[in-house]
Amino acid sequence: MRRTAAVLWLTCWGLVAWADEAPRLVDVTPSRMGDQVVCRLQTVGVPGEKQLQSMRSGLESAVELTLAVVDENEKFLGGRSVSLRMAFDLWEEVFSVGQNGEERRFQSLADLQVYLSDLTHLSVGPAALLKPDGRYRIKAQLVVHAIAPDEQKRVEDVIAGEQRPRREGQDQQEASVSLGRLIRLFYKGGGEGQDGQELLSGWFTVGELADETH
């Protein structure tokens, strides 16, 4: 198993082609689903290089999406935040994305990339907040974390030399070596996109929203 883990670590350094594409939003498309304004987000470069290094080392990374409906005066009318936690199971060799207690599993990196490149039916806010004659657009922000914020506590404990309960079947020495490499690589820097990247949808009225329920 140690040889397998070492190969996995080296493999993550070879994912150069995908890493060349910086994580970013490329399109925001609003629509309606029932009584909710929803949107479709298209991205490229997610997960980023440092996220992959983190995941391949047994840590979880994260993508934070902030969505808001604004009017022509840039007034905030409603919105929400979405957090996607990404992980790689070193033993089963599968990727996963978790959101609100639910998990999707992917057999390959390519499958994970396809899923994250086209996120659909993301709720933004109640359609009742919008006036029939108003013009609106959706403002989306993407922030990627090489290490999920609450995972940083585990990294800090390793730095301090504290022993935290290991995951079932995990080799503590092997995990500590991987964490040490991560710390040297980018722990102080945080990760890609810390300041966030924003993108606006086109203008729309309530009547122009496509209905996703039909």
Protein backbone atom coordinates (compact mmCIF):
# COMPACT_ATOMS: atom_id res chain seq x y z
CA MET A 1 0.00 0.00 0.00
CA ARG A 2 2.89 2.37 0.68
CA ARG A 3 4.16 1.88 -2.87
CA THR A 4 0.64 2.61 -4.21
CA ALA A 5 0.42 5.80 -2.16
CA ALA A 6 3.84 6.91 -3.39
CA VAL A 7 2.80 6.33 -7.00
CA LEU A 8 -0.37 8.32 -6.44
CA TRP A 9 1.64 11.20 -5.01
CA LEU A 10 3.98 11.24 -8.01
CA THR A 11 1.04 10.99 -10.40
CA CYS A 12 -0.42 14.25 -9.13
CA TRP A 13 2.76 16.06 -10.22
CA GLY A 14 2.18 14.84 -13.76
CA LEU A 15 -1.23 16.45 -14.19
CA VAL A 16 0.28 19.44 -15.95
CA ALA A 17 -2.12 19.85 -18.86
CA TRP A 18 -5.17 20.38 -16.66
CA ALA A 19 -3.20 22.50 -14.19
CA ASP A 20 -2.22 24.94 -16.95
CA GLU A 21 -5.86 26.10 -16.99
CA ALA A 22 -6.40 28.35 -13.97
CA PRO A 23 -9.65 27.61 -12.09
CA ARG A 24 -12.27 30.12 -13.15
CA LEU A 25 -15.91 30.71 -14.05
CA VAL A 26 -16.68 31.00 -17.74
CA ASP A 27 -20.48 31.30 -17.86
CA VAL A 28 -23.47 32.02 -15.62
CA THR A 29 -26.91 31.14 -16.98
CA PRO A 30 -30.05 32.03 -14.98
CA SER A 31 -33.31 30.08 -15.13
CA ARG A 32 -36.29 29.22 -12.96
CA MET A 33 -37.25 26.05 -11.13
CA GLY A 34 -40.62 26.21 -9.40
CA ASP A 35 -40.59 29.24 -7.13
CA GLN A 36 -36.80 29.57 -7.19
CA VAL A 37 -34.36 31.45 -9.39
CA VAL A 38 -31.59 28.98 -10.19
CA CYS A 39 -28.46 29.13 -12.28
CA ARG A 40 -26.03 27.01 -14.23
CA LEU A 41 -22.32 27.64 -13.70
CA GLN A 42 -19.68 26.53 -16.16
CA THR A 43 -16.06 26.41 -15.04
CA VAL A 44 -12.63 25.42 -16.33
CA GLY A 45 -9.54 24.25 -14.46
CA VAL A 46 -11.36 22.82 -11.43
CA PRO A 47 -9.85 21.11 -9.52
CA GLY A 48 -6.68 23.17 -9.72
CA GLU A 49 -3.14 21.84 -9.42
CA LYS A 50 -2.77 22.56 -5.70
CA GLN A 51 -6.20 21.09 -5.00
CA LEU A 52 -5.14 17.88 -6.71
CA GLN A 53 -1.92 17.75 -4.69
CA SER A 54 -3.94 18.15 -1.52
CA MET A 55 -6.50 15.51 -2.48
CA ARG A 56 -3.85 13.02 -3.57
CA SER A 57 -2.28 13.41 -0.14
CA GLY A 58 -5.45 12.45 1.71
CA LEU A 59 -6.72 15.94 2.53
CA GLU A 60 -9.98 17.48 1.42
CA SER A 61 -10.02 20.58 -0.77
CA ALA A 62 -12.97 22.87 -1.34
CA VAL A 63 -14.73 25.11 -3.82
CA GLU A 64 -16.89 27.92 -2.49
CA LEU A 65 -19.55 29.46 -4.73
CA THR A 66 -21.36 32.64 -3.76
CA LEU A 67 -24.48 33.45 -5.78
CA ALA A 68 -26.54 36.65 -5.67
CA VAL A 69 -29.37 38.29 -7.59
CA VAL A 70 -28.86 42.04 -8.12
CA ASP A 71 -30.97 44.68 -9.81
CA GLU A 72 -29.98 47.48 -12.20
CA ASN A 73 -28.73 49.53 -9.24
CA GLU A 74 -26.54 46.63 -8.07
CA LYS A 75 -28.84 46.19 -5.05
CA PHE A 76 -28.58 42.75 -3.48
CA LEU A 77 -31.97 41.00 -3.50
CA GLY A 78 -31.13 37.47 -2.45
CA GLY A 79 -28.49 34.81 -2.64
CA ARG A 80 -26.70 31.92 -1.04
CA SER A 81 -23.35 30.20 -0.69
CA VAL A 82 -22.54 26.70 -1.86
CA SER A 83 -19.57 24.71 -0.58
CA LEU A 84 -18.28 21.68 -2.47
CA ARG A 85 -15.78 19.47 -0.65
CA MET A 86 -13.53 17.35 -2.84
CA ALA A 87 -11.54 14.31 -1.77
CA PHE A 88 -9.61 11.35 -3.14
CA ASP A 89 -9.90 7.98 -1.40
CA LEU A 90 -6.35 6.60 -1.32
CA TRP A 91 -7.55 3.04 -0.80
CA GLU A 92 -10.50 2.77 -3.17
CA GLU A 93 -8.85 5.21 -5.61
CA VAL A 94 -12.00 7.20 -6.32
CA PHE A 95 -12.74 10.91 -6.20
CA SER A 96 -15.74 12.37 -4.42
CA VAL A 97 -17.62 15.65 -4.09
CA GLY A 98 -19.66 16.35 -0.98
CA GLN A 99 -22.40 18.94 -0.52
CA ASN A 100 -24.91 19.27 2.32
CA GLY A 101 -24.23 15.77 3.58
CA GLU A 102 -24.60 14.15 0.14
CA GLU A 103 -21.70 12.63 -1.76
CA ARG A 104 -21.05 11.88 -5.42
CA ARG A 105 -18.26 9.48 -6.34
CA PHE A 106 -16.20 9.45 -9.53
CA GLN A 107 -14.04 6.64 -10.87
CA SER A 108 -11.61 8.96 -12.68
CA LEU A 109 -10.23 12.48 -12.60
CA ALA A 110 -11.80 13.10 -16.00
CA ASP A 111 -15.26 12.28 -14.63
CA LEU A 112 -14.71 14.67 -11.71
CA GLN A 113 -13.57 17.44 -14.06
CA VAL A 114 -16.63 17.00 -16.28
CA TYR A 115 -18.97 17.24 -13.29
CA LEU A 116 -17.32 20.38 -11.89
CA SER A 117 -17.22 22.05 -15.30
CA ASP A 118 -21.04 22.18 -15.53
CA LEU A 119 -22.91 22.76 -12.26
CA THR A 120 -26.66 22.98 -12.79
CA HIS A 121 -29.81 23.87 -10.83
CA LEU A 122 -27.98 25.91 -8.19
CA SER A 123 -30.61 27.76 -6.19
CA VAL A 124 -30.03 31.53 -5.87
CA GLY A 125 -33.21 32.87 -4.25
CA PRO A 126 -37.02 33.08 -4.37
CA ALA A 127 -38.46 34.33 -7.64
CA ALA A 128 -41.02 36.26 -5.57
CA LEU A 129 -38.27 38.78 -4.76
CA LEU A 130 -38.24 39.96 -8.38
CA LYS A 131 -40.67 42.47 -9.86
CA PRO A 132 -42.34 41.64 -13.19
CA ASP A 133 -40.98 44.78 -14.85
CA GLY A 134 -37.50 44.66 -13.27
CA ARG A 135 -34.20 43.74 -14.91
CA TYR A 136 -31.78 41.58 -13.00
CA ARG A 137 -28.65 39.55 -13.28
CA ILE A 138 -26.84 36.94 -11.21
CA LYS A 139 -23.44 37.66 -9.73
CA ALA A 140 -21.35 34.55 -9.06
CA GLN A 141 -18.06 34.27 -7.22
CA LEU A 142 -15.70 31.29 -7.22
CA VAL A 143 -13.10 30.69 -4.50
CA VAL A 144 -10.98 27.55 -4.49
CA HIS A 145 -9.12 26.24 -1.44
CA ALA A 146 -6.21 23.85 -1.86
CA ILE A 147 -7.00 22.68 1.67
CA ALA A 148 -10.57 22.98 2.93
CA PRO A 149 -10.64 25.61 5.72
CA ASP A 150 -11.52 23.17 8.49
CA GLU A 151 -8.89 20.71 7.23
CA GLN A 152 -6.22 23.30 8.00
CA LYS A 153 -6.67 22.42 11.68
CA ARG A 154 -5.32 18.96 10.92
CA VAL A 155 -2.34 20.48 9.15
CA GLU A 156 -1.69 22.80 12.09
CA ASP A 157 -1.78 19.82 14.45
CA VAL A 158 0.84 18.03 12.35
CA ILE A 159 3.05 21.11 12.48
CA ALA A 160 2.63 21.20 16.26
CA GLY A 161 3.38 17.49 16.52
CA GLU A 162 -0.03 16.56 17.87
CA GLN A 163 -1.56 13.19 17.08
CA ARG A 164 -5.10 13.30 15.77
CA PRO A 165 -7.25 10.17 15.30
CA ARG A 166 -6.39 8.64 11.96
CA ARG A 167 -8.94 7.47 9.47
CA GLU A 168 -9.65 3.76 9.48
CA GLY A 169 -6.91 1.88 7.64
CA GLN A 170 -4.71 4.97 7.20
CA ASP A 171 -0.98 4.64 7.75
CA GLN A 172 -0.15 7.50 10.15
CA GLN A 173 3.51 7.75 9.12
CA GLU A 174 2.58 7.80 5.43
CA ALA A 175 -0.05 10.48 6.01
CA SER A 176 2.39 12.62 8.00
CA VAL A 177 4.97 12.50 5.21
CA SER A 178 2.37 13.63 2.68
CA LEU A 179 1.18 16.40 4.98
CA GLY A 180 4.74 17.56 5.49
CA ARG A 181 5.20 17.92 1.75
CA LEU A 182 1.97 19.86 1.48
CA ILE A 183 3.04 22.23 4.23
CA ARG A 184 6.32 22.99 2.43
CA LEU A 185 4.53 23.44 -0.88
CA PHE A 186 1.73 25.82 -0.19
CA TYR A 187 0.28 25.85 3.32
CA LYS A 188 1.23 29.46 4.05
CA GLY A 189 -0.04 30.58 0.66
CA GLY A 190 -3.48 29.02 1.09
CA GLY A 191 -4.25 28.06 -2.51
CA GLU A 192 -5.59 29.19 -5.83
CA GLY A 193 -8.16 31.92 -6.10
CA GLN A 194 -8.17 33.04 -2.48
CA ASP A 195 -9.49 36.49 -3.41
CA GLY A 196 -12.21 34.93 -5.54
CA GLN A 197 -13.22 35.46 -9.15
CA GLU A 198 -16.55 37.06 -10.05
CA LEU A 199 -18.66 36.70 -13.16
CA LEU A 200 -22.03 38.23 -14.07
CA SER A 201 -24.84 36.69 -16.06
CA GLY A 202 -26.62 38.61 -18.77
CA TRP A 203 -29.60 40.82 -17.89
CA PHE A 204 -32.98 39.11 -17.57
CA THR A 205 -36.56 39.70 -16.48
CA VAL A 206 -38.69 37.18 -14.61
CA GLY A 207 -40.67 36.47 -17.77
CA GLU A 208 -37.51 35.70 -19.73
CA LEU A 209 -36.33 32.95 -17.40
CA ALA A 210 -36.49 29.47 -18.88
CA ASP A 211 -38.53 27.09 -16.70
CA GLU A 212 -36.42 24.10 -15.72
CA THR A 213 -39.46 22.16 -14.45
CA HIS A 214 -40.74 21.47 -17.98
